[in-house]
Amino acid sequence: MKFTQIPLGTRFEFEGKIFSKTGPMTASAEDGSGQRLIPRYAVLKPVDGAAPVVDTAPARQVDEARVIAAFDGFYGTCLRLVDDFSKAELEAARRKFLAALQAQK
């Protein structure tokens, strides 16, 4: 497991010593020898058995109606700004965007 994946307070072994994570990049040695910076690339061995389960933040949920309303406002502005020759291409891009939203349901 990597250091960035473990929560604060987790005990692990690194270079033959037992540490507890005390900060985003620091750990305290159990033998009382002080704190140490742990490199991101370091591969750590869990001490208390299995590796701890890392809670990942849930994906942000956005209301589809709000997305479509915001996009319609954006599309309206774009429609006023493009020349007549580009309007067909802009409309095709709009349909492609809305189809991608429908495909994710």
PDB file of N, CA and C in Angstrom:
ATOM      1  N   MET A   1       0.846  -1.173   0.000  1.00  0.00           N
ATOM      2  CA  MET A   1       0.000   0.000   0.000  1.00  0.00           C
ATOM      3  C   MET A   1       0.887   1.230   0.000  1.00  0.00           C
ATOM      4  N   LYS A   2       0.376   2.327  -0.502  1.00  0.00           N
ATOM      5  CA  LYS A   2       1.115   3.583  -0.570  1.00  0.00           C
ATOM      6  C   LYS A   2       0.725   4.462   0.610  1.00  0.00           C
ATOM      7  N   PHE A   3       1.616   5.353   0.991  1.00  0.00           N
ATOM      8  CA  PHE A   3       1.415   6.195   2.164  1.00  0.00           C
ATOM      9  C   PHE A   3       0.184   7.090   2.015  1.00  0.00           C
ATOM     10  N   THR A   4      -0.055   7.610   0.813  1.00  0.00           N
ATOM     11  CA  THR A   4      -1.189   8.512   0.606  1.00  0.00           C
ATOM     12  C   THR A   4      -2.534   7.793   0.708  1.00  0.00           C
ATOM     13  N   GLN A   5      -2.527   6.477   0.648  1.00  0.00           N
ATOM     14  CA  GLN A   5      -3.766   5.705   0.669  1.00  0.00           C
ATOM     15  C   GLN A   5      -4.245   5.360   2.073  1.00  0.00           C
ATOM     16  N   ILE A   6      -3.438   5.587   3.080  1.00  0.00           N
ATOM     17  CA  ILE A   6      -3.817   5.146   4.420  1.00  0.00           C
ATOM     18  C   ILE A   6      -4.290   6.331   5.269  1.00  0.00           C
ATOM     19  N   PRO A   7      -5.237   6.089   6.168  1.00  0.00           N
ATOM     20  CA  PRO A   7      -5.729   7.163   7.033  1.00  0.00           C
ATOM     21  C   PRO A   7      -4.756   7.461   8.173  1.00  0.00           C
ATOM     22  N   LEU A   8      -4.920   8.633   8.777  1.00  0.00           N
ATOM     23  CA  LEU A   8      -4.097   9.011   9.925  1.00  0.00           C
ATOM     24  C   LEU A   8      -4.220   7.974  11.035  1.00  0.00           C
ATOM     25  N   GLY A   9      -3.120   7.731  11.743  1.00  0.00           N
ATOM     26  CA  GLY A   9      -3.119   6.790  12.850  1.00  0.00           C
ATOM     27  C   GLY A   9      -2.847   5.354  12.467  1.00  0.00           C
ATOM     28  N   THR A  10      -2.828   5.054  11.198  1.00  0.00           N
ATOM     29  CA  THR A  10      -2.591   3.687  10.744  1.00  0.00           C
ATOM     30  C   THR A  10      -1.142   3.287  11.020  1.00  0.00           C
ATOM     31  N   ARG A  11      -0.967   2.093  11.528  1.00  0.00           N
ATOM     32  CA  ARG A  11       0.369   1.551  11.793  1.00  0.00           C
ATOM     33  C   ARG A  11       0.849   0.769  10.575  1.00  0.00           C
ATOM     34  N   PHE A  12       2.137   0.927  10.257  1.00  0.00           N
ATOM     35  CA  PHE A  12       2.718   0.240   9.109  1.00  0.00           C
ATOM     36  C   PHE A  12       4.209   0.037   9.338  1.00  0.00           C
ATOM     37  N   GLU A  13       4.772  -0.863   8.545  1.00  0.00           N
ATOM     38  CA  GLU A  13       6.211  -1.112   8.600  1.00  0.00           C
ATOM     39  C   GLU A  13       6.868  -0.494   7.383  1.00  0.00           C
ATOM     40  N   PHE A  14       7.976   0.203   7.627  1.00  0.00           N
ATOM     41  CA  PHE A  14       8.739   0.820   6.549  1.00  0.00           C
ATOM     42  C   PHE A  14      10.215   0.727   6.910  1.00  0.00           C
ATOM     43  N   GLU A  15      10.997   0.143   6.058  1.00  0.00           N
ATOM     44  CA  GLU A  15      12.441  -0.034   6.254  1.00  0.00           C
ATOM     45  C   GLU A  15      12.757  -0.697   7.596  1.00  0.00           C
ATOM     46  N   GLY A  16      11.968  -1.704   7.948  1.00  0.00           N
ATOM     47  CA  GLY A  16      12.226  -2.492   9.141  1.00  0.00           C
ATOM     48  C   GLY A  16      11.763  -1.871  10.451  1.00  0.00           C
ATOM     49  N   LYS A  17      11.113  -0.700  10.413  1.00  0.00           N
ATOM     50  CA  LYS A  17      10.622  -0.051  11.628  1.00  0.00           C
ATOM     51  C   LYS A  17       9.105   0.078  11.552  1.00  0.00           C
ATOM     52  N   ILE A  18       8.481   0.158  12.730  1.00  0.00           N
ATOM     53  CA  ILE A  18       7.034   0.343  12.813  1.00  0.00           C
ATOM     54  C   ILE A  18       6.752   1.828  13.005  1.00  0.00           C
ATOM     55  N   PHE A  19       5.846   2.361  12.184  1.00  0.00           N
ATOM     56  CA  PHE A  19       5.459   3.769  12.235  1.00  0.00           C
ATOM     57  C   PHE A  19       3.945   3.886  12.347  1.00  0.00           C
ATOM     58  N   SER A  20       3.505   5.076  12.764  1.00  0.00           N
ATOM     59  CA  SER A  20       2.085   5.440  12.733  1.00  0.00           C
ATOM     60  C   SER A  20       1.982   6.729  11.927  1.00  0.00           C
ATOM     61  N   LYS A  21       1.033   6.782  11.007  1.00  0.00           N
ATOM     62  CA  LYS A  21       0.871   7.977  10.186  1.00  0.00           C
ATOM     63  C   LYS A  21       0.371   9.117  11.057  1.00  0.00           C
ATOM     64  N   THR A  22       1.074  10.267  10.991  1.00  0.00           N
ATOM     65  CA  THR A  22       0.701  11.429  11.800  1.00  0.00           C
ATOM     66  C   THR A  22       0.330  12.640  10.961  1.00  0.00           C
ATOM     67  N   GLY A  23       0.598  12.612   9.687  1.00  0.00           N
ATOM     68  CA  GLY A  23       0.289  13.738   8.814  1.00  0.00           C
ATOM     69  C   GLY A  23       0.285  13.298   7.370  1.00  0.00           C
ATOM     70  N   PRO A  24       0.053  14.228   6.450  1.00  0.00           N
ATOM     71  CA  PRO A  24      -0.024  13.863   5.032  1.00  0.00           C
ATOM     72  C   PRO A  24       1.268  13.279   4.472  1.00  0.00           C
ATOM     73  N   MET A  25       2.412  13.638   5.099  1.00  0.00           N
ATOM     74  CA  MET A  25       3.690  13.127   4.607  1.00  0.00           C
ATOM     75  C   MET A  25       4.583  12.638   5.743  1.00  0.00           C
ATOM     76  N   THR A  26       4.068  12.630   6.971  1.00  0.00           N
ATOM     77  CA  THR A  26       4.904  12.283   8.121  1.00  0.00           C
ATOM     78  C   THR A  26       4.347  11.104   8.892  1.00  0.00           C
ATOM     79  N   ALA A  27       5.275  10.438   9.590  1.00  0.00           N
ATOM     80  CA  ALA A  27       4.917   9.318  10.452  1.00  0.00           C
ATOM     81  C   ALA A  27       5.817   9.349  11.673  1.00  0.00           C
ATOM     82  N   SER A  28       5.308   8.816  12.755  1.00  0.00           N
ATOM     83  CA  SER A  28       6.047   8.760  14.011  1.00  0.00           C
ATOM     84  C   SER A  28       6.488   7.320  14.258  1.00  0.00           C
ATOM     85  N   ALA A  29       7.755   7.161  14.591  1.00  0.00           N
ATOM     86  CA  ALA A  29       8.289   5.827  14.852  1.00  0.00           C
ATOM     87  C   ALA A  29       7.819   5.337  16.211  1.00  0.00           C
ATOM     88  N   GLU A  30       7.476   4.063  16.294  1.00  0.00           N
ATOM     89  CA  GLU A  30       7.011   3.479  17.550  1.00  0.00           C
ATOM     90  C   GLU A  30       8.127   3.348  18.577  1.00  0.00           C
ATOM     91  N   ASP A  31       9.363   3.278  18.110  1.00  0.00           N
ATOM     92  CA  ASP A  31      10.481   3.113  19.049  1.00  0.00           C
ATOM     93  C   ASP A  31      10.902   4.430  19.693  1.00  0.00           C
ATOM     94  N   GLY A  32      10.176   5.509  19.412  1.00  0.00           N
ATOM     95  CA  GLY A  32      10.463   6.791  20.034  1.00  0.00           C
ATOM     96  C   GLY A  32      11.559   7.589  19.366  1.00  0.00           C
ATOM     97  N   SER A  33      11.988   7.181  18.190  1.00  0.00           N
ATOM     98  CA  SER A  33      13.082   7.884  17.513  1.00  0.00           C
ATOM     99  C   SER A  33      12.614   9.129  16.764  1.00  0.00           C
ATOM    100  N   GLY A  34      11.356   9.501  16.910  1.00  0.00           N
ATOM    101  CA  GLY A  34      10.869  10.748  16.324  1.00  0.00           C
ATOM    102  C   GLY A  34      10.055  10.570  15.062  1.00  0.00           C
ATOM    103  N   GLN A  35       9.835  11.710  14.401  1.00  0.00           N
ATOM    104  CA  GLN A  35       9.041  11.734  13.177  1.00  0.00           C
ATOM    105  C   GLN A  35       9.932  11.599  11.960  1.00  0.00           C
ATOM    106  N   ARG A  36       9.308  11.171  10.873  1.00  0.00           N
ATOM    107  CA  ARG A  36      10.040  10.988   9.635  1.00  0.00           C
ATOM    108  C   ARG A  36       9.142  11.289   8.454  1.00  0.00           C
ATOM    109  N   LEU A  37       9.709  11.881   7.427  1.00  0.00           N
ATOM    110  CA  LEU A  37       8.996  12.065   6.162  1.00  0.00           C
ATOM    111  C   LEU A  37       8.978  10.726   5.446  1.00  0.00           C
ATOM    112  N   ILE A  38       7.818  10.347   4.958  1.00  0.00           N
ATOM    113  CA  ILE A  38       7.684   9.090   4.208  1.00  0.00           C
ATOM    114  C   ILE A  38       7.469   9.460   2.749  1.00  0.00           C
ATOM    115  N   PRO A  39       8.342   8.986   1.854  1.00  0.00           N
ATOM    116  CA  PRO A  39       8.171   9.326   0.437  1.00  0.00           C
ATOM    117  C   PRO A  39       6.894   8.731  -0.154  1.00  0.00           C
ATOM    118  N   ARG A  40       6.336   9.431  -1.109  1.00  0.00           N
ATOM    119  CA  ARG A  40       5.100   8.968  -1.760  1.00  0.00           C
ATOM    120  C   ARG A  40       5.269   7.613  -2.429  1.00  0.00           C
ATOM    121  N   TYR A  41       6.425   7.382  -2.972  1.00  0.00           N
ATOM    122  CA  TYR A  41       6.658   6.143  -3.720  1.00  0.00           C
ATOM    123  C   TYR A  41       6.874   4.931  -2.817  1.00  0.00           C
ATOM    124  N   ALA A  42       7.021   5.166  -1.511  1.00  0.00           N
ATOM    125  CA  ALA A  42       7.314   4.071  -0.588  1.00  0.00           C
ATOM    126  C   ALA A  42       6.178   3.051  -0.562  1.00  0.00           C
ATOM    127  N   VAL A  43       6.546   1.788  -0.606  1.00  0.00           N
ATOM    128  CA  VAL A  43       5.566   0.713  -0.485  1.00  0.00           C
ATOM    129  C   VAL A  43       5.613   0.242   0.967  1.00  0.00           C
ATOM    130  N   LEU A  44       4.466   0.315   1.638  1.00  0.00           N
ATOM    131  CA  LEU A  44       4.395   0.040   3.067  1.00  0.00           C
ATOM    132  C   LEU A  44       3.725  -1.298   3.327  1.00  0.00           C
ATOM    133  N   LYS A  45       4.105  -1.906   4.427  1.00  0.00           N
ATOM    134  CA  LYS A  45       3.540  -3.194   4.830  1.00  0.00           C
ATOM    135  C   LYS A  45       2.636  -2.951   6.039  1.00  0.00           C
ATOM    136  N   PRO A  46       1.359  -3.365   5.969  1.00  0.00           N
ATOM    137  CA  PRO A  46       0.474  -3.168   7.119  1.00  0.00           C
ATOM    138  C   PRO A  46       0.929  -3.998   8.310  1.00  0.00           C
ATOM    139  N   VAL A  47       0.796  -3.445   9.511  1.00  0.00           N
ATOM    140  CA  VAL A  47       1.226  -4.137  10.722  1.00  0.00           C
ATOM    141  C   VAL A  47       0.080  -4.922  11.346  1.00  0.00           C
ATOM    142  N   ASP A  48      -1.080  -4.367  11.350  1.00  0.00           N
ATOM    143  CA  ASP A  48      -2.225  -4.966  12.044  1.00  0.00           C
ATOM    144  C   ASP A  48      -3.001  -5.935  11.161  1.00  0.00           C
ATOM    145  N   GLY A  49      -2.336  -6.677  10.341  1.00  0.00           N
ATOM    146  CA  GLY A  49      -3.021  -7.644   9.476  1.00  0.00           C
ATOM    147  C   GLY A  49      -3.296  -7.067   8.105  1.00  0.00           C
ATOM    148  N   ALA A  50      -4.538  -7.134   7.708  1.00  0.00           N
ATOM    149  CA  ALA A  50      -4.934  -6.690   6.370  1.00  0.00           C
ATOM    150  C   ALA A  50      -4.794  -5.182   6.226  1.00  0.00           C
ATOM    151  N   ALA A  51      -4.573  -4.757   5.006  1.00  0.00           N
ATOM    152  CA  ALA A  51      -4.479  -3.333   4.717  1.00  0.00           C
ATOM    153  C   ALA A  51      -5.808  -2.658   5.021  1.00  0.00           C
ATOM    154  N   PRO A  52      -5.773  -1.447   5.578  1.00  0.00           N
ATOM    155  CA  PRO A  52      -7.018  -0.757   5.905  1.00  0.00           C
ATOM    156  C   PRO A  52      -7.803  -0.400   4.645  1.00  0.00           C
ATOM    157  N   VAL A  53      -9.097  -0.402   4.772  1.00  0.00           N
ATOM    158  CA  VAL A  53      -9.960  -0.004   3.667  1.00  0.00           C
ATOM    159  C   VAL A  53      -9.950   1.512   3.590  1.00  0.00           C
ATOM    160  N   VAL A  54      -9.617   2.027   2.437  1.00  0.00           N
ATOM    161  CA  VAL A  54      -9.546   3.464   2.260  1.00  0.00           C
ATOM    162  C   VAL A  54     -10.904   3.951   1.766  1.00  0.00           C
ATOM    163  N   ASP A  55     -11.481   4.883   2.498  1.00  0.00           N
ATOM    164  CA  ASP A  55     -12.764   5.458   2.077  1.00  0.00           C
ATOM    165  C   ASP A  55     -12.517   6.436   0.951  1.00  0.00           C
ATOM    166  N   THR A  56     -13.184   6.206  -0.153  1.00  0.00           N
ATOM    167  CA  THR A  56     -13.087   7.155  -1.252  1.00  0.00           C
ATOM    168  C   THR A  56     -14.319   8.034  -1.224  1.00  0.00           C
ATOM    169  N   ALA A  57     -14.133   9.281  -1.542  1.00  0.00           N
ATOM    170  CA  ALA A  57     -15.256  10.212  -1.543  1.00  0.00           C
ATOM    171  C   ALA A  57     -16.234   9.799  -2.640  1.00  0.00           C
ATOM    172  N   PRO A  58     -17.525   9.854  -2.348  1.00  0.00           N
ATOM    173  CA  PRO A  58     -18.484   9.497  -3.393  1.00  0.00           C
ATOM    174  C   PRO A  58     -18.416  10.495  -4.545  1.00  0.00           C
ATOM    175  N   ALA A  59     -18.720  10.004  -5.717  1.00  0.00           N
ATOM    176  CA  ALA A  59     -18.711  10.871  -6.887  1.00  0.00           C
ATOM    177  C   ALA A  59     -19.759  11.965  -6.723  1.00  0.00           C
ATOM    178  N   ARG A  60     -19.430  13.141  -7.176  1.00  0.00           N
ATOM    179  CA  ARG A  60     -20.353  14.272  -7.075  1.00  0.00           C
ATOM    180  C   ARG A  60     -21.547  14.029  -7.979  1.00  0.00           C
ATOM    181  N   GLN A  61     -22.722  14.231  -7.436  1.00  0.00           N
ATOM    182  CA  GLN A  61     -23.945  14.061  -8.207  1.00  0.00           C
ATOM    183  C   GLN A  61     -24.471  15.432  -8.624  1.00  0.00           C
ATOM    184  N   VAL A  62     -24.792  15.587  -9.886  1.00  0.00           N
ATOM    185  CA  VAL A  62     -25.315  16.846 -10.406  1.00  0.00           C
ATOM    186  C   VAL A  62     -26.686  16.571 -10.993  1.00  0.00           C
ATOM    187  N   ASP A  63     -27.622  17.444 -10.687  1.00  0.00           N
ATOM    188  CA  ASP A  63     -28.987  17.303 -11.181  1.00  0.00           C
ATOM    189  C   ASP A  63     -29.009  17.502 -12.700  1.00  0.00           C
ATOM    190  N   GLU A  64     -29.567  16.530 -13.407  1.00  0.00           N
ATOM    191  CA  GLU A  64     -29.583  16.577 -14.868  1.00  0.00           C
ATOM    192  C   GLU A  64     -30.307  17.805 -15.397  1.00  0.00           C
ATOM    193  N   ALA A  65     -31.402  18.184 -14.764  1.00  0.00           N
ATOM    194  CA  ALA A  65     -32.155  19.360 -15.221  1.00  0.00           C
ATOM    195  C   ALA A  65     -31.310  20.629 -15.131  1.00  0.00           C
ATOM    196  N   ARG A  66     -30.487  20.728 -14.083  1.00  0.00           N
ATOM    197  CA  ARG A  66     -29.616  21.904 -13.941  1.00  0.00           C
ATOM    198  C   ARG A  66     -28.532  21.911 -15.014  1.00  0.00           C
ATOM    199  N   VAL A  67     -28.014  20.742 -15.335  1.00  0.00           N
ATOM    200  CA  VAL A  67     -26.986  20.652 -16.375  1.00  0.00           C
ATOM    201  C   VAL A  67     -27.572  21.068 -17.714  1.00  0.00           C
ATOM    202  N   ILE A  68     -28.750  20.557 -18.033  1.00  0.00           N
ATOM    203  CA  ILE A  68     -29.379  20.891 -19.319  1.00  0.00           C
ATOM    204  C   ILE A  68     -29.725  22.369 -19.382  1.00  0.00           C
ATOM    205  N   ALA A  69     -30.234  22.940 -18.286  1.00  0.00           N
ATOM    206  CA  ALA A  69     -30.566  24.369 -18.266  1.00  0.00           C
ATOM    207  C   ALA A  69     -29.308  25.219 -18.469  1.00  0.00           C
ATOM    208  N   ALA A  70     -28.220  24.848 -17.796  1.00  0.00           N
ATOM    209  CA  ALA A  70     -26.964  25.593 -17.955  1.00  0.00           C
ATOM    210  C   ALA A  70     -26.444  25.462 -19.385  1.00  0.00           C
ATOM    211  N   PHE A  71     -26.550  24.249 -19.918  1.00  0.00           N
ATOM    212  CA  PHE A  71     -26.075  24.040 -21.283  1.00  0.00           C
ATOM    213  C   PHE A  71     -26.928  24.817 -22.285  1.00  0.00           C
ATOM    214  N   ASP A  72     -28.231  24.849 -22.090  1.00  0.00           N
ATOM    215  CA  ASP A  72     -29.110  25.604 -22.995  1.00  0.00           C
ATOM    216  C   ASP A  72     -28.751  27.088 -23.001  1.00  0.00           C
ATOM    217  N   GLY A  73     -28.412  27.631 -21.819  1.00  0.00           N
ATOM    218  CA  GLY A  73     -27.976  29.026 -21.758  1.00  0.00           C
ATOM    219  C   GLY A  73     -26.679  29.233 -22.521  1.00  0.00           C
ATOM    220  N   PHE A  74     -25.743  28.310 -22.337  1.00  0.00           N
ATOM    221  CA  PHE A  74     -24.472  28.364 -23.050  1.00  0.00           C
ATOM    222  C   PHE A  74     -24.692  28.240 -24.562  1.00  0.00           C
ATOM    223  N   TYR A  75     -25.547  27.311 -24.939  1.00  0.00           N
ATOM    224  CA  TYR A  75     -25.827  27.087 -26.359  1.00  0.00           C
ATOM    225  C   TYR A  75     -26.458  28.326 -26.995  1.00  0.00           C
ATOM    226  N   GLY A  76     -27.369  28.962 -26.256  1.00  0.00           N
ATOM    227  CA  GLY A  76     -28.006  30.182 -26.776  1.00  0.00           C
ATOM    228  C   GLY A  76     -26.992  31.285 -27.038  1.00  0.00           C
ATOM    229  N   THR A  77     -26.046  31.436 -26.145  1.00  0.00           N
ATOM    230  CA  THR A  77     -24.995  32.438 -26.342  1.00  0.00           C
ATOM    231  C   THR A  77     -24.143  32.085 -27.551  1.00  0.00           C
ATOM    232  N   CYS A  78     -23.767  30.816 -27.657  1.00  0.00           N
ATOM    233  CA  CYS A  78     -22.963  30.376 -28.802  1.00  0.00           C
ATOM    234  C   CYS A  78     -23.705  30.596 -30.114  1.00  0.00           C
ATOM    235  N   LEU A  79     -24.977  30.329 -30.109  1.00  0.00           N
ATOM    236  CA  LEU A  79     -25.788  30.479 -31.315  1.00  0.00           C
ATOM    237  C   LEU A  79     -25.779  31.921 -31.814  1.00  0.00           C
ATOM    238  N   ARG A  80     -25.793  32.868 -30.875  1.00  0.00           N
ATOM    239  CA  ARG A  80     -25.747  34.281 -31.263  1.00  0.00           C
ATOM    240  C   ARG A  80     -24.368  34.696 -31.761  1.00  0.00           C
ATOM    241  N   LEU A  81     -23.325  34.007 -31.310  1.00  0.00           N
ATOM    242  CA  LEU A  81     -21.962  34.414 -31.648  1.00  0.00           C
ATOM    243  C   LEU A  81     -21.424  33.815 -32.941  1.00  0.00           C
ATOM    244  N   VAL A  82     -21.950  32.665 -33.357  1.00  0.00           N
ATOM    245  CA  VAL A  82     -21.404  32.022 -34.564  1.00  0.00           C
ATOM    246  C   VAL A  82     -22.085  32.549 -35.818  1.00  0.00           C
ATOM    247  N   ASP A  83     -21.365  32.451 -36.924  1.00  0.00           N
ATOM    248  CA  ASP A  83     -21.951  32.881 -38.192  1.00  0.00           C
ATOM    249  C   ASP A  83     -22.915  31.820 -38.713  1.00  0.00           C
ATOM    250  N   ASP A  84     -23.677  32.182 -39.724  1.00  0.00           N
ATOM    251  CA  ASP A  84     -24.703  31.274 -40.259  1.00  0.00           C
ATOM    252  C   ASP A  84     -24.121  29.969 -40.786  1.00  0.00           C
ATOM    253  N   PHE A  85     -22.896  29.990 -41.264  1.00  0.00           N
ATOM    254  CA  PHE A  85     -22.282  28.788 -41.824  1.00  0.00           C
ATOM    255  C   PHE A  85     -21.919  27.775 -40.728  1.00  0.00           C
ATOM    256  N   SER A  86     -21.739  28.238 -39.500  1.00  0.00           N
ATOM    257  CA  SER A  86     -21.325  27.356 -38.402  1.00  0.00           C
ATOM    258  C   SER A  86     -22.495  26.844 -37.569  1.00  0.00           C
ATOM    259  N   LYS A  87     -23.695  27.365 -37.793  1.00  0.00           N
ATOM    260  CA  LYS A  87     -24.833  26.990 -36.953  1.00  0.00           C
ATOM    261  C   LYS A  87     -25.200  25.506 -37.061  1.00  0.00           C
ATOM    262  N   ALA A  88     -25.068  24.932 -38.242  1.00  0.00           N
ATOM    263  CA  ALA A  88     -25.383  23.509 -38.411  1.00  0.00           C
ATOM    264  C   ALA A  88     -24.395  22.645 -37.616  1.00  0.00           C
ATOM    265  N   GLU A  89     -23.126  23.017 -37.645  1.00  0.00           N
ATOM    266  CA  GLU A  89     -22.111  22.274 -36.894  1.00  0.00           C
ATOM    267  C   GLU A  89     -22.332  22.425 -35.386  1.00  0.00           C
ATOM    268  N   LEU A  90     -22.720  23.630 -34.962  1.00  0.00           N
ATOM    269  CA  LEU A  90     -23.017  23.859 -33.552  1.00  0.00           C
ATOM    270  C   LEU A  90     -24.222  23.033 -33.107  1.00  0.00           C
ATOM    271  N   GLU A  91     -25.236  22.973 -33.942  1.00  0.00           N
ATOM    272  CA  GLU A  91     -26.423  22.161 -33.613  1.00  0.00           C
ATOM    273  C   GLU A  91     -26.069  20.678 -33.524  1.00  0.00           C
ATOM    274  N   ALA A  92     -25.194  20.205 -34.402  1.00  0.00           N
ATOM    275  CA  ALA A  92     -24.751  18.801 -34.351  1.00  0.00           C
ATOM    276  C   ALA A  92     -23.992  18.529 -33.050  1.00  0.00           C
ATOM    277  N   ALA A  93     -23.163  19.469 -32.626  1.00  0.00           N
ATOM    278  CA  ALA A  93     -22.435  19.314 -31.368  1.00  0.00           C
ATOM    279  C   ALA A  93     -23.400  19.298 -30.194  1.00  0.00           C
ATOM    280  N   ARG A  94     -24.452  20.108 -30.246  1.00  0.00           N
ATOM    281  CA  ARG A  94     -25.479  20.135 -29.188  1.00  0.00           C
ATOM    282  C   ARG A  94     -26.166  18.778 -29.076  1.00  0.00           C
ATOM    283  N   ARG A  95     -26.562  18.220 -30.233  1.00  0.00           N
ATOM    284  CA  ARG A  95     -27.226  16.912 -30.225  1.00  0.00           C
ATOM    285  C   ARG A  95     -26.300  15.821 -29.674  1.00  0.00           C
ATOM    286  N   LYS A  96     -25.018  15.892 -30.027  1.00  0.00           N
ATOM    287  CA  LYS A  96     -24.041  14.919 -29.540  1.00  0.00           C
ATOM    288  C   LYS A  96     -23.889  15.025 -28.016  1.00  0.00           C
ATOM    289  N   PHE A  97     -23.864  16.238 -27.485  1.00  0.00           N
ATOM    290  CA  PHE A  97     -23.756  16.454 -26.041  1.00  0.00           C
ATOM    291  C   PHE A  97     -24.979  15.878 -25.322  1.00  0.00           C
ATOM    292  N   LEU A  98     -26.167  16.200 -25.811  1.00  0.00           N
ATOM    293  CA  LEU A  98     -27.393  15.715 -25.168  1.00  0.00           C
ATOM    294  C   LEU A  98     -27.509  14.191 -25.268  1.00  0.00           C
ATOM    295  N   ALA A  99     -27.047  13.629 -26.387  1.00  0.00           N
ATOM    296  CA  ALA A  99     -27.065  12.157 -26.517  1.00  0.00           C
ATOM    297  C   ALA A  99     -26.097  11.509 -25.522  1.00  0.00           C
ATOM    298  N   ALA A 100     -24.966  12.150 -25.274  1.00  0.00           N
ATOM    299  CA  ALA A 100     -24.007  11.612 -24.296  1.00  0.00           C
ATOM    300  C   ALA A 100     -24.611  11.625 -22.892  1.00  0.00           C
ATOM    301  N   LEU A 101     -25.381  12.638 -22.571  1.00  0.00           N
ATOM    302  CA  LEU A 101     -26.065  12.677 -21.270  1.00  0.00           C
ATOM    303  C   LEU A 101     -27.077  11.534 -21.153  1.00  0.00           C
ATOM    304  N   GLN A 102     -27.805  11.289 -22.206  1.00  0.00           N
ATOM    305  CA  GLN A 102     -28.799  10.217 -22.190  1.00  0.00           C
ATOM    306  C   GLN A 102     -28.144   8.844 -22.087  1.00  0.00           C
ATOM    307  N   ALA A 103     -26.966   8.702 -22.692  1.00  0.00           N
ATOM    308  CA  ALA A 103     -26.273   7.407 -22.682  1.00  0.00           C
ATOM    309  C   ALA A 103     -25.763   7.044 -21.304  1.00  0.00           C
ATOM    310  N   GLN A 104     -25.566   8.027 -20.422  1.00  0.00           N
ATOM    311  CA  GLN A 104     -25.041   7.760 -19.094  1.00  0.00           C
ATOM    312  C   GLN A 104     -26.114   7.355 -18.098  1.00  0.00           C
ATOM    313  N   LYS A 105     -27.352   7.360 -18.490  1.00  0.00           N
ATOM    314  CA  LYS A 105     -28.449   6.983 -17.576  1.00  0.00           C
ATOM    315  C   LYS A 105     -28.466   5.513 -17.318  1.00  0.00           C
TER     316      LYS A 105
END
